[in-house]
Amino acid sequence: MIRPILLVEDNPMDVDLTLRAFKRRNLANPIVVARDGQEALDLIPKWEAGEPRPVVILLDVNMPRVGGLEVARRLKAHPALRTIPIVMLTTSDVGEDIRTAYENGANSYIVKPVDFEKFMEVAEHIKVYWAALNEPSS
């Protein structure tokens, strides 16, 4: 079974850009989209009930309701979910956000490039490393 990738992103244009980039890179994993941090946290009971957990979570920093840094903290505090890799994929290059992301358990921090071709390169790296090479925890 191919596990999904969870994309947590509130900006519809960034969601579209990310989905198009992964489609062009022929990503085999299905992508589940949560439109804010609360939607992502609302998935926890489903994962606890046996739905496939994401192979990786791509998480924006600045979102309404619950921000990405708080989502990362809560997921990494959950005993059954702390092994899911979290990649902060965000426009924020603020040093405090980067530091807090790693303190809250993020495995990687990527500042989204504004150029689509450069974003395609990021999508390829995510696909190859997190969806193909990295061995996920069960």
N, C-alpha and C. Protein backbone atom coordinates (compact mmCIF):
# COMPACT_ATOMS: atom_id res chain seq x y z
N MET A 1 0.83 -1.18 0.00
CA MET A 1 0.00 0.00 0.00
C MET A 1 0.88 1.25 0.00
N ILE A 2 0.56 2.17 -0.86
CA ILE A 2 1.29 3.43 -0.93
C ILE A 2 0.63 4.40 0.04
N ARG A 3 1.42 4.88 1.00
CA ARG A 3 0.89 5.80 1.99
C ARG A 3 0.81 7.22 1.42
N PRO A 4 -0.16 8.00 1.89
CA PRO A 4 -0.34 9.34 1.36
C PRO A 4 0.70 10.33 1.89
N ILE A 5 0.76 11.47 1.24
CA ILE A 5 1.48 12.63 1.73
C ILE A 5 0.42 13.61 2.19
N LEU A 6 0.60 14.18 3.37
CA LEU A 6 -0.34 15.19 3.86
C LEU A 6 0.26 16.56 3.58
N LEU A 7 -0.47 17.37 2.84
CA LEU A 7 -0.09 18.76 2.56
C LEU A 7 -0.99 19.64 3.41
N VAL A 8 -0.41 20.41 4.31
CA VAL A 8 -1.17 21.31 5.17
C VAL A 8 -0.84 22.73 4.71
N GLU A 9 -1.79 23.33 4.01
CA GLU A 9 -1.56 24.62 3.35
C GLU A 9 -2.87 25.37 3.22
N ASP A 10 -2.89 26.63 3.65
CA ASP A 10 -4.12 27.42 3.59
C ASP A 10 -4.25 28.26 2.33
N ASN A 11 -3.18 28.46 1.60
CA ASN A 11 -3.22 29.30 0.40
C ASN A 11 -3.61 28.44 -0.81
N PRO A 12 -4.79 28.69 -1.40
CA PRO A 12 -5.24 27.86 -2.53
C PRO A 12 -4.26 27.86 -3.71
N MET A 13 -3.60 28.99 -3.95
CA MET A 13 -2.63 29.02 -5.06
C MET A 13 -1.43 28.14 -4.76
N ASP A 14 -0.98 28.10 -3.50
CA ASP A 14 0.15 27.24 -3.14
C ASP A 14 -0.26 25.76 -3.17
N VAL A 15 -1.50 25.47 -2.78
CA VAL A 15 -2.00 24.10 -2.89
C VAL A 15 -1.96 23.66 -4.35
N ASP A 16 -2.50 24.50 -5.23
CA ASP A 16 -2.53 24.18 -6.65
C ASP A 16 -1.11 24.01 -7.20
N LEU A 17 -0.22 24.92 -6.85
CA LEU A 17 1.16 24.84 -7.31
C LEU A 17 1.82 23.53 -6.86
N THR A 18 1.61 23.18 -5.61
CA THR A 18 2.21 21.95 -5.09
C THR A 18 1.64 20.71 -5.77
N LEU A 19 0.32 20.67 -5.92
CA LEU A 19 -0.30 19.52 -6.59
C LEU A 19 0.17 19.40 -8.03
N ARG A 20 0.25 20.53 -8.74
CA ARG A 20 0.73 20.49 -10.13
C ARG A 20 2.18 20.03 -10.20
N ALA A 21 3.01 20.51 -9.29
CA ALA A 21 4.43 20.12 -9.29
C ALA A 21 4.59 18.63 -9.06
N PHE A 22 3.85 18.08 -8.09
CA PHE A 22 3.95 16.64 -7.83
C PHE A 22 3.38 15.83 -8.99
N LYS A 23 2.32 16.32 -9.59
CA LYS A 23 1.74 15.60 -10.74
C LYS A 23 2.74 15.54 -11.89
N ARG A 24 3.41 16.66 -12.15
CA ARG A 24 4.40 16.69 -13.23
C ARG A 24 5.61 15.81 -12.90
N ARG A 25 5.85 15.58 -11.63
CA ARG A 25 6.96 14.72 -11.20
C ARG A 25 6.52 13.27 -11.03
N ASN A 26 5.27 12.97 -11.42
CA ASN A 26 4.73 11.60 -11.37
C ASN A 26 4.84 10.96 -9.99
N LEU A 27 4.47 11.73 -8.99
CA LEU A 27 4.46 11.21 -7.63
C LEU A 27 3.42 10.11 -7.50
N ALA A 28 3.82 8.96 -6.98
CA ALA A 28 2.89 7.82 -6.85
C ALA A 28 1.98 7.96 -5.64
N ASN A 29 2.44 8.65 -4.62
CA ASN A 29 1.66 8.78 -3.39
C ASN A 29 0.46 9.69 -3.59
N PRO A 30 -0.70 9.30 -3.06
CA PRO A 30 -1.82 10.22 -3.08
C PRO A 30 -1.52 11.39 -2.14
N ILE A 31 -2.08 12.55 -2.47
CA ILE A 31 -1.88 13.72 -1.62
C ILE A 31 -3.20 14.07 -0.96
N VAL A 32 -3.16 14.16 0.36
CA VAL A 32 -4.30 14.60 1.15
C VAL A 32 -4.01 16.05 1.53
N VAL A 33 -5.02 16.92 1.35
CA VAL A 33 -4.83 18.34 1.65
C VAL A 33 -5.67 18.72 2.86
N ALA A 34 -5.01 19.35 3.82
CA ALA A 34 -5.69 19.98 4.95
C ALA A 34 -5.51 21.48 4.75
N ARG A 35 -6.59 22.24 4.83
CA ARG A 35 -6.56 23.67 4.50
C ARG A 35 -6.08 24.56 5.64
N ASP A 36 -5.88 24.00 6.81
CA ASP A 36 -5.28 24.74 7.92
C ASP A 36 -4.83 23.73 8.97
N GLY A 37 -4.19 24.25 10.01
CA GLY A 37 -3.66 23.36 11.03
C GLY A 37 -4.71 22.57 11.77
N GLN A 38 -5.88 23.16 11.98
CA GLN A 38 -6.93 22.43 12.70
C GLN A 38 -7.41 21.25 11.87
N GLU A 39 -7.55 21.43 10.56
CA GLU A 39 -7.95 20.30 9.70
C GLU A 39 -6.93 19.17 9.79
N ALA A 40 -5.65 19.52 9.87
CA ALA A 40 -4.61 18.49 10.01
C ALA A 40 -4.77 17.75 11.34
N LEU A 41 -4.97 18.50 12.41
CA LEU A 41 -5.13 17.86 13.72
C LEU A 41 -6.39 17.02 13.79
N ASP A 42 -7.42 17.40 13.04
CA ASP A 42 -8.66 16.62 13.01
C ASP A 42 -8.48 15.25 12.37
N LEU A 43 -7.35 15.03 11.70
CA LEU A 43 -7.07 13.72 11.09
C LEU A 43 -6.53 12.71 12.11
N ILE A 44 -6.07 13.19 13.24
CA ILE A 44 -5.45 12.30 14.24
C ILE A 44 -6.37 11.14 14.63
N PRO A 45 -7.66 11.39 14.96
CA PRO A 45 -8.51 10.24 15.32
C PRO A 45 -8.66 9.22 14.19
N LYS A 46 -8.63 9.68 12.95
CA LYS A 46 -8.73 8.76 11.81
C LYS A 46 -7.48 7.87 11.74
N TRP A 47 -6.32 8.47 11.97
CA TRP A 47 -5.07 7.69 11.97
C TRP A 47 -5.06 6.72 13.14
N GLU A 48 -5.55 7.18 14.29
CA GLU A 48 -5.61 6.29 15.46
C GLU A 48 -6.56 5.12 15.21
N ALA A 49 -7.56 5.33 14.37
CA ALA A 49 -8.54 4.28 14.06
C ALA A 49 -8.07 3.35 12.95
N GLY A 50 -6.89 3.60 12.39
CA GLY A 50 -6.34 2.67 11.41
C GLY A 50 -6.21 3.18 9.99
N GLU A 51 -6.68 4.40 9.70
CA GLU A 51 -6.45 4.93 8.35
C GLU A 51 -4.96 5.09 8.13
N PRO A 52 -4.51 4.92 6.88
CA PRO A 52 -3.07 5.03 6.61
C PRO A 52 -2.51 6.39 7.04
N ARG A 53 -1.43 6.33 7.79
CA ARG A 53 -0.76 7.56 8.20
C ARG A 53 0.09 8.07 7.05
N PRO A 54 0.30 9.38 7.00
CA PRO A 54 1.12 9.91 5.90
C PRO A 54 2.57 9.44 5.99
N VAL A 55 3.17 9.30 4.85
CA VAL A 55 4.58 8.96 4.79
C VAL A 55 5.40 10.18 5.17
N VAL A 56 4.87 11.37 4.90
CA VAL A 56 5.49 12.64 5.27
C VAL A 56 4.39 13.70 5.33
N ILE A 57 4.58 14.70 6.19
CA ILE A 57 3.65 15.82 6.29
C ILE A 57 4.39 17.06 5.82
N LEU A 58 3.82 17.74 4.82
CA LEU A 58 4.35 19.01 4.34
C LEU A 58 3.52 20.11 5.00
N LEU A 59 4.15 20.94 5.79
CA LEU A 59 3.43 21.81 6.70
C LEU A 59 3.85 23.26 6.55
N ASP A 60 2.87 24.12 6.26
CA ASP A 60 3.10 25.56 6.19
C ASP A 60 3.23 26.10 7.61
N VAL A 61 3.88 27.23 7.78
CA VAL A 61 4.04 27.83 9.10
C VAL A 61 2.84 28.69 9.46
N ASN A 62 2.54 29.67 8.61
CA ASN A 62 1.52 30.67 8.92
C ASN A 62 0.17 30.27 8.35
N MET A 63 -0.73 29.84 9.26
CA MET A 63 -2.08 29.42 8.85
C MET A 63 -3.09 29.88 9.88
N PRO A 64 -4.35 30.00 9.46
CA PRO A 64 -5.39 30.37 10.44
C PRO A 64 -5.72 29.20 11.38
N ARG A 65 -6.43 29.51 12.41
CA ARG A 65 -6.89 28.59 13.46
C ARG A 65 -5.73 28.01 14.25
N VAL A 66 -4.96 27.10 13.68
CA VAL A 66 -3.79 26.54 14.36
C VAL A 66 -2.61 26.62 13.38
N GLY A 67 -1.56 27.29 13.79
CA GLY A 67 -0.39 27.46 12.93
C GLY A 67 0.43 26.19 12.81
N GLY A 68 1.28 26.16 11.80
CA GLY A 68 2.09 24.99 11.52
C GLY A 68 3.07 24.62 12.63
N LEU A 69 3.62 25.63 13.31
CA LEU A 69 4.57 25.32 14.38
C LEU A 69 3.87 24.59 15.53
N GLU A 70 2.64 24.98 15.82
CA GLU A 70 1.87 24.31 16.87
C GLU A 70 1.45 22.90 16.41
N VAL A 71 1.09 22.76 15.14
CA VAL A 71 0.74 21.43 14.62
C VAL A 71 1.93 20.49 14.76
N ALA A 72 3.11 20.97 14.38
CA ALA A 72 4.32 20.14 14.51
C ALA A 72 4.53 19.73 15.96
N ARG A 73 4.39 20.67 16.88
CA ARG A 73 4.59 20.38 18.30
C ARG A 73 3.62 19.30 18.78
N ARG A 74 2.35 19.44 18.41
CA ARG A 74 1.34 18.47 18.87
C ARG A 74 1.55 17.09 18.26
N LEU A 75 1.89 17.04 16.98
CA LEU A 75 2.11 15.74 16.34
C LEU A 75 3.33 15.04 16.94
N LYS A 76 4.38 15.78 17.19
CA LYS A 76 5.60 15.17 17.74
C LYS A 76 5.42 14.78 19.20
N ALA A 77 4.42 15.36 19.87
CA ALA A 77 4.13 14.99 21.26
C ALA A 77 3.24 13.75 21.35
N HIS A 78 2.64 13.36 20.22
CA HIS A 78 1.73 12.21 20.20
C HIS A 78 2.56 10.93 20.06
N PRO A 79 2.45 10.01 21.02
CA PRO A 79 3.31 8.81 21.00
C PRO A 79 3.23 7.99 19.72
N ALA A 80 2.06 7.88 19.13
CA ALA A 80 1.90 7.03 17.95
C ALA A 80 2.22 7.76 16.65
N LEU A 81 2.35 9.08 16.69
CA LEU A 81 2.54 9.84 15.45
C LEU A 81 3.89 10.54 15.37
N ARG A 82 4.66 10.52 16.44
CA ARG A 82 5.89 11.30 16.47
C ARG A 82 6.92 10.87 15.45
N THR A 83 6.78 9.66 14.89
CA THR A 83 7.77 9.21 13.91
C THR A 83 7.45 9.64 12.49
N ILE A 84 6.27 10.25 12.27
CA ILE A 84 5.95 10.74 10.93
C ILE A 84 6.84 11.95 10.63
N PRO A 85 7.61 11.90 9.55
CA PRO A 85 8.46 13.05 9.23
C PRO A 85 7.63 14.29 8.91
N ILE A 86 8.09 15.43 9.39
CA ILE A 86 7.44 16.70 9.10
C ILE A 86 8.44 17.59 8.38
N VAL A 87 8.03 18.05 7.20
CA VAL A 87 8.82 18.99 6.42
C VAL A 87 8.06 20.30 6.41
N MET A 88 8.66 21.33 7.00
CA MET A 88 8.06 22.65 6.93
C MET A 88 8.31 23.15 5.51
N LEU A 89 7.23 23.42 4.80
CA LEU A 89 7.30 23.92 3.42
C LEU A 89 6.55 25.24 3.42
N THR A 90 7.29 26.33 3.46
CA THR A 90 6.70 27.61 3.80
C THR A 90 7.42 28.77 3.11
N THR A 91 6.78 29.91 3.07
CA THR A 91 7.43 31.11 2.53
C THR A 91 8.23 31.83 3.61
N SER A 92 8.06 31.45 4.87
CA SER A 92 8.74 32.13 5.97
C SER A 92 10.21 31.74 6.03
N ASP A 93 11.06 32.75 5.96
CA ASP A 93 12.49 32.51 6.16
C ASP A 93 12.97 33.20 7.44
N VAL A 94 12.02 33.46 8.33
CA VAL A 94 12.31 34.12 9.61
C VAL A 94 13.07 33.14 10.51
N GLY A 95 14.20 33.60 11.03
CA GLY A 95 15.04 32.75 11.86
C GLY A 95 14.31 32.15 13.05
N GLU A 96 13.44 32.92 13.69
CA GLU A 96 12.67 32.43 14.84
C GLU A 96 11.75 31.28 14.44
N ASP A 97 11.12 31.38 13.25
CA ASP A 97 10.25 30.30 12.77
C ASP A 97 11.07 29.03 12.52
N ILE A 98 12.23 29.19 11.93
CA ILE A 98 13.09 28.03 11.63
C ILE A 98 13.52 27.36 12.93
N ARG A 99 13.99 28.15 13.88
CA ARG A 99 14.43 27.61 15.16
C ARG A 99 13.29 26.89 15.89
N THR A 100 12.12 27.55 15.93
CA THR A 100 10.97 26.96 16.61
C THR A 100 10.51 25.68 15.92
N ALA A 101 10.55 25.68 14.59
CA ALA A 101 10.15 24.48 13.86
C ALA A 101 10.99 23.28 14.27
N TYR A 102 12.30 23.46 14.31
CA TYR A 102 13.17 22.36 14.71
C TYR A 102 12.99 22.00 16.18
N GLU A 103 12.80 23.00 17.04
CA GLU A 103 12.54 22.72 18.46
C GLU A 103 11.25 21.92 18.64
N ASN A 104 10.27 22.15 17.74
CA ASN A 104 8.98 21.45 17.82
C ASN A 104 8.99 20.12 17.08
N GLY A 105 10.14 19.71 16.57
CA GLY A 105 10.26 18.38 16.00
C GLY A 105 10.27 18.27 14.49
N ALA A 106 10.30 19.40 13.79
CA ALA A 106 10.35 19.31 12.32
C ALA A 106 11.63 18.58 11.90
N ASN A 107 11.51 17.78 10.85
CA ASN A 107 12.66 17.04 10.33
C ASN A 107 13.41 17.81 9.26
N SER A 108 12.74 18.79 8.66
CA SER A 108 13.35 19.58 7.59
C SER A 108 12.60 20.89 7.48
N TYR A 109 13.27 21.91 6.95
CA TYR A 109 12.65 23.23 6.77
C TYR A 109 13.03 23.72 5.39
N ILE A 110 12.04 23.88 4.53
CA ILE A 110 12.29 24.32 3.16
C ILE A 110 11.50 25.61 2.91
N VAL A 111 12.21 26.65 2.47
CA VAL A 111 11.54 27.89 2.08
C VAL A 111 11.11 27.72 0.62
N LYS A 112 9.79 27.89 0.39
CA LYS A 112 9.24 27.70 -0.95
C LYS A 112 9.83 28.71 -1.92
N PRO A 113 10.36 28.23 -3.01
CA PRO A 113 10.80 29.18 -4.04
C PRO A 113 9.58 29.75 -4.77
N VAL A 114 9.68 31.00 -5.21
CA VAL A 114 8.56 31.61 -5.92
C VAL A 114 8.56 31.21 -7.40
N ASP A 115 9.68 30.86 -7.93
CA ASP A 115 9.80 30.44 -9.32
C ASP A 115 9.30 28.99 -9.47
N PHE A 116 8.39 28.75 -10.44
CA PHE A 116 7.80 27.43 -10.59
C PHE A 116 8.83 26.35 -10.91
N GLU A 117 9.80 26.67 -11.75
CA GLU A 117 10.82 25.67 -12.09
C GLU A 117 11.65 25.27 -10.87
N LYS A 118 11.98 26.24 -10.04
CA LYS A 118 12.71 25.92 -8.81
C LYS A 118 11.82 25.13 -7.85
N PHE A 119 10.51 25.45 -7.84
CA PHE A 119 9.59 24.69 -7.00
C PHE A 119 9.50 23.25 -7.51
N MET A 120 9.58 23.06 -8.81
CA MET A 120 9.58 21.70 -9.38
C MET A 120 10.79 20.91 -8.87
N GLU A 121 11.93 21.58 -8.73
CA GLU A 121 13.11 20.92 -8.18
C GLU A 121 12.87 20.50 -6.73
N VAL A 122 12.24 21.38 -5.96
CA VAL A 122 11.91 21.05 -4.57
C VAL A 122 10.98 19.84 -4.54
N ALA A 123 9.95 19.84 -5.40
CA ALA A 123 9.01 18.72 -5.46
C ALA A 123 9.74 17.42 -5.79
N GLU A 124 10.69 17.48 -6.69
CA GLU A 124 11.46 16.29 -7.05
C GLU A 124 12.27 15.78 -5.86
N HIS A 125 12.90 16.69 -5.14
CA HIS A 125 13.69 16.29 -3.97
C HIS A 125 12.80 15.66 -2.89
N ILE A 126 11.63 16.26 -2.67
CA ILE A 126 10.70 15.69 -1.69
C ILE A 126 10.26 14.31 -2.14
N LYS A 127 9.92 14.19 -3.42
CA LYS A 127 9.47 12.90 -3.96
C LYS A 127 10.55 11.84 -3.78
N VAL A 128 11.76 12.16 -4.19
CA VAL A 128 12.83 11.17 -4.16
C VAL A 128 13.19 10.81 -2.72
N TYR A 129 13.41 11.82 -1.88
CA TYR A 129 13.87 11.48 -0.53
C TYR A 129 12.76 10.96 0.37
N TRP A 130 11.71 11.76 0.56
CA TRP A 130 10.70 11.42 1.56
C TRP A 130 9.73 10.35 1.10
N ALA A 131 9.45 10.27 -0.21
CA ALA A 131 8.46 9.30 -0.69
C ALA A 131 9.10 8.05 -1.30
N ALA A 132 10.39 8.09 -1.61
CA ALA A 132 11.01 6.93 -2.25
C ALA A 132 12.17 6.35 -1.42
N LEU A 133 13.11 7.16 -1.02
CA LEU A 133 14.31 6.64 -0.36
C LEU A 133 14.13 6.44 1.14
N ASN A 134 13.47 7.36 1.80
CA ASN A 134 13.34 7.29 3.25
C ASN A 134 12.48 6.09 3.64
N GLU A 135 12.94 5.33 4.61
CA GLU A 135 12.16 4.19 5.12
C GLU A 135 11.28 4.67 6.27
N PRO A 136 9.96 4.73 6.04
CA PRO A 136 9.08 5.24 7.08
C PRO A 136 8.89 4.24 8.21
N SER A 137 8.56 4.78 9.37
CA SER A 137 8.19 3.94 10.50
C SER A 137 6.77 3.44 10.24
N SER A 138 6.46 2.25 10.70
CA SER A 138 5.11 1.72 10.50
C SER A 138 4.23 2.29 11.55
